[in-house]
Amino acid sequence: MKPSPPVNTPKPTRSAVNSRQLELSVADSEAFADALLNHKPVNARLRETVQRYRAETGV
């Protein structure tokens, strides 16, 4: 049997090569979506941490 010619597909990007797919249960999917849509507001501790990080890294 003769092998099929290669399919001319675009080269995957670095992010596509390094990505993985997760399979979540319905409950986990709902919890994930809820966390994205109804996230808690940023508190003072997180703001201070971001400021410190930016000062130390120059970002």
N, C-alpha and C. Protein backbone atom coordinates (compact mmCIF):
# COMPACT_ATOMS: atom_id res chain seq x y z
N MET A 1 0.85 -1.17 0.00
CA MET A 1 0.00 0.00 0.00
C MET A 1 0.90 1.24 0.00
N LYS A 2 0.60 2.14 -0.87
CA LYS A 2 1.38 3.36 -1.02
C LYS A 2 0.94 4.39 0.04
N PRO A 3 1.91 5.04 0.76
CA PRO A 3 1.52 6.03 1.77
C PRO A 3 0.87 7.25 1.13
N SER A 4 -0.02 7.85 1.87
CA SER A 4 -0.70 9.07 1.41
C SER A 4 0.28 10.22 1.38
N PRO A 5 0.12 11.14 0.43
CA PRO A 5 0.99 12.30 0.43
C PRO A 5 0.72 13.15 1.67
N PRO A 6 1.74 13.87 2.15
CA PRO A 6 1.52 14.69 3.35
C PRO A 6 0.48 15.77 3.09
N VAL A 7 -0.29 16.04 4.11
CA VAL A 7 -1.31 17.09 4.03
C VAL A 7 -0.62 18.41 4.31
N ASN A 8 -0.91 19.40 3.51
CA ASN A 8 -0.29 20.72 3.67
C ASN A 8 -1.05 21.49 4.75
N THR A 9 -0.66 21.28 5.99
CA THR A 9 -1.29 21.98 7.11
C THR A 9 -0.35 23.03 7.66
N PRO A 10 -0.89 24.13 8.17
CA PRO A 10 -0.02 25.17 8.73
C PRO A 10 0.73 24.65 9.95
N LYS A 11 1.93 25.17 10.13
CA LYS A 11 2.74 24.80 11.28
C LYS A 11 2.06 25.33 12.55
N PRO A 12 1.91 24.50 13.57
CA PRO A 12 1.25 24.99 14.80
C PRO A 12 2.10 26.05 15.50
N THR A 13 1.41 26.96 16.14
CA THR A 13 2.11 27.98 16.90
C THR A 13 2.66 27.38 18.17
N ARG A 14 3.59 28.08 18.80
CA ARG A 14 4.20 27.57 20.03
C ARG A 14 3.13 27.29 21.09
N SER A 15 2.14 28.19 21.23
CA SER A 15 1.12 27.98 22.25
C SER A 15 0.28 26.73 21.94
N ALA A 16 0.03 26.48 20.67
CA ALA A 16 -0.74 25.30 20.31
C ALA A 16 0.05 24.03 20.59
N VAL A 17 1.34 24.06 20.39
CA VAL A 17 2.18 22.89 20.63
C VAL A 17 2.24 22.57 22.11
N ASN A 18 2.31 23.60 22.94
CA ASN A 18 2.46 23.40 24.38
C ASN A 18 1.13 23.30 25.13
N SER A 19 0.02 23.41 24.45
CA SER A 19 -1.26 23.41 25.13
C SER A 19 -1.75 21.98 25.39
N ARG A 20 -2.60 21.88 26.36
CA ARG A 20 -3.23 20.61 26.69
C ARG A 20 -4.71 20.87 26.91
N GLN A 21 -5.51 19.89 26.67
CA GLN A 21 -6.95 20.01 26.86
C GLN A 21 -7.34 19.34 28.16
N LEU A 22 -8.15 20.03 28.92
CA LEU A 22 -8.66 19.47 30.18
C LEU A 22 -10.08 18.98 29.97
N GLU A 23 -10.40 17.89 30.58
CA GLU A 23 -11.78 17.42 30.57
C GLU A 23 -12.34 17.60 31.97
N LEU A 24 -13.35 18.46 32.07
CA LEU A 24 -13.93 18.78 33.37
C LEU A 24 -15.31 18.16 33.49
N SER A 25 -15.68 17.87 34.72
CA SER A 25 -17.05 17.41 34.96
C SER A 25 -17.98 18.60 34.76
N VAL A 26 -19.25 18.34 34.70
CA VAL A 26 -20.23 19.41 34.56
C VAL A 26 -20.12 20.37 35.74
N ALA A 27 -19.99 19.84 36.94
CA ALA A 27 -19.89 20.69 38.14
C ALA A 27 -18.62 21.55 38.09
N ASP A 28 -17.50 20.95 37.67
CA ASP A 28 -16.26 21.71 37.56
C ASP A 28 -16.36 22.78 36.48
N SER A 29 -16.98 22.46 35.36
CA SER A 29 -17.17 23.43 34.28
C SER A 29 -18.01 24.61 34.75
N GLU A 30 -19.07 24.31 35.48
CA GLU A 30 -19.94 25.37 36.00
C GLU A 30 -19.19 26.23 37.02
N ALA A 31 -18.40 25.60 37.88
CA ALA A 31 -17.63 26.36 38.87
C ALA A 31 -16.60 27.25 38.19
N PHE A 32 -15.95 26.75 37.15
CA PHE A 32 -14.96 27.53 36.41
C PHE A 32 -15.62 28.73 35.73
N ALA A 33 -16.73 28.50 35.05
CA ALA A 33 -17.44 29.59 34.38
C ALA A 33 -17.94 30.61 35.40
N ASP A 34 -18.44 30.14 36.52
CA ASP A 34 -18.92 31.05 37.56
C ASP A 34 -17.79 31.92 38.11
N ALA A 35 -16.61 31.32 38.29
CA ALA A 35 -15.46 32.08 38.80
C ALA A 35 -15.03 33.15 37.80
N LEU A 36 -15.12 32.86 36.51
CA LEU A 36 -14.77 33.85 35.50
C LEU A 36 -15.80 34.97 35.41
N LEU A 37 -17.06 34.59 35.47
CA LEU A 37 -18.12 35.58 35.28
C LEU A 37 -18.45 36.38 36.54
N ASN A 38 -18.22 35.80 37.70
CA ASN A 38 -18.58 36.44 38.96
C ASN A 38 -17.38 36.49 39.90
N HIS A 39 -16.26 36.98 39.38
CA HIS A 39 -15.05 37.01 40.19
C HIS A 39 -15.14 38.03 41.31
N LYS A 40 -14.34 37.79 42.33
CA LYS A 40 -14.29 38.71 43.46
C LYS A 40 -13.50 39.95 43.07
N PRO A 41 -13.84 41.10 43.63
CA PRO A 41 -13.07 42.31 43.31
C PRO A 41 -11.64 42.21 43.85
N VAL A 42 -10.74 42.93 43.21
CA VAL A 42 -9.34 42.95 43.63
C VAL A 42 -9.26 43.64 45.00
N ASN A 43 -8.56 43.00 45.95
CA ASN A 43 -8.44 43.59 47.28
C ASN A 43 -7.12 44.34 47.42
N ALA A 44 -6.95 45.01 48.52
CA ALA A 44 -5.76 45.83 48.76
C ALA A 44 -4.48 44.99 48.76
N ARG A 45 -4.53 43.80 49.32
CA ARG A 45 -3.33 42.96 49.38
C ARG A 45 -2.84 42.60 47.97
N LEU A 46 -3.77 42.27 47.07
CA LEU A 46 -3.38 41.95 45.71
C LEU A 46 -2.83 43.18 45.00
N ARG A 47 -3.45 44.33 45.19
CA ARG A 47 -2.94 45.56 44.58
C ARG A 47 -1.51 45.86 45.05
N GLU A 48 -1.26 45.69 46.33
CA GLU A 48 0.08 45.92 46.87
C GLU A 48 1.09 44.93 46.29
N THR A 49 0.68 43.69 46.13
CA THR A 49 1.55 42.67 45.57
C THR A 49 1.91 43.00 44.12
N VAL A 50 0.94 43.44 43.36
CA VAL A 50 1.18 43.81 41.96
C VAL A 50 2.12 45.01 41.90
N GLN A 51 1.89 46.01 42.74
CA GLN A 51 2.77 47.18 42.76
C GLN A 51 4.21 46.79 43.11
N ARG A 52 4.38 45.91 44.09
CA ARG A 52 5.70 45.46 44.49
C ARG A 52 6.38 44.69 43.36
N TYR A 53 5.64 43.83 42.71
CA TYR A 53 6.17 43.05 41.58
C TYR A 53 6.63 43.99 40.47
N ARG A 54 5.80 44.96 40.12
CA ARG A 54 6.15 45.89 39.05
C ARG A 54 7.37 46.71 39.42
N ALA A 55 7.47 47.14 40.67
CA ALA A 55 8.62 47.92 41.10
C ALA A 55 9.90 47.08 41.04
N GLU A 56 9.81 45.81 41.41
CA GLU A 56 11.00 44.95 41.43
C GLU A 56 11.41 44.47 40.05
N THR A 57 10.46 44.33 39.14
CA THR A 57 10.78 43.80 37.81
C THR A 57 10.85 44.88 36.74
N GLY A 58 10.39 46.08 37.06
CA GLY A 58 10.40 47.15 36.08
C GLY A 58 9.32 47.02 35.02
N VAL A 59 8.30 46.26 35.32
CA VAL A 59 7.19 46.08 34.36
C VAL A 59 6.24 47.23 34.47
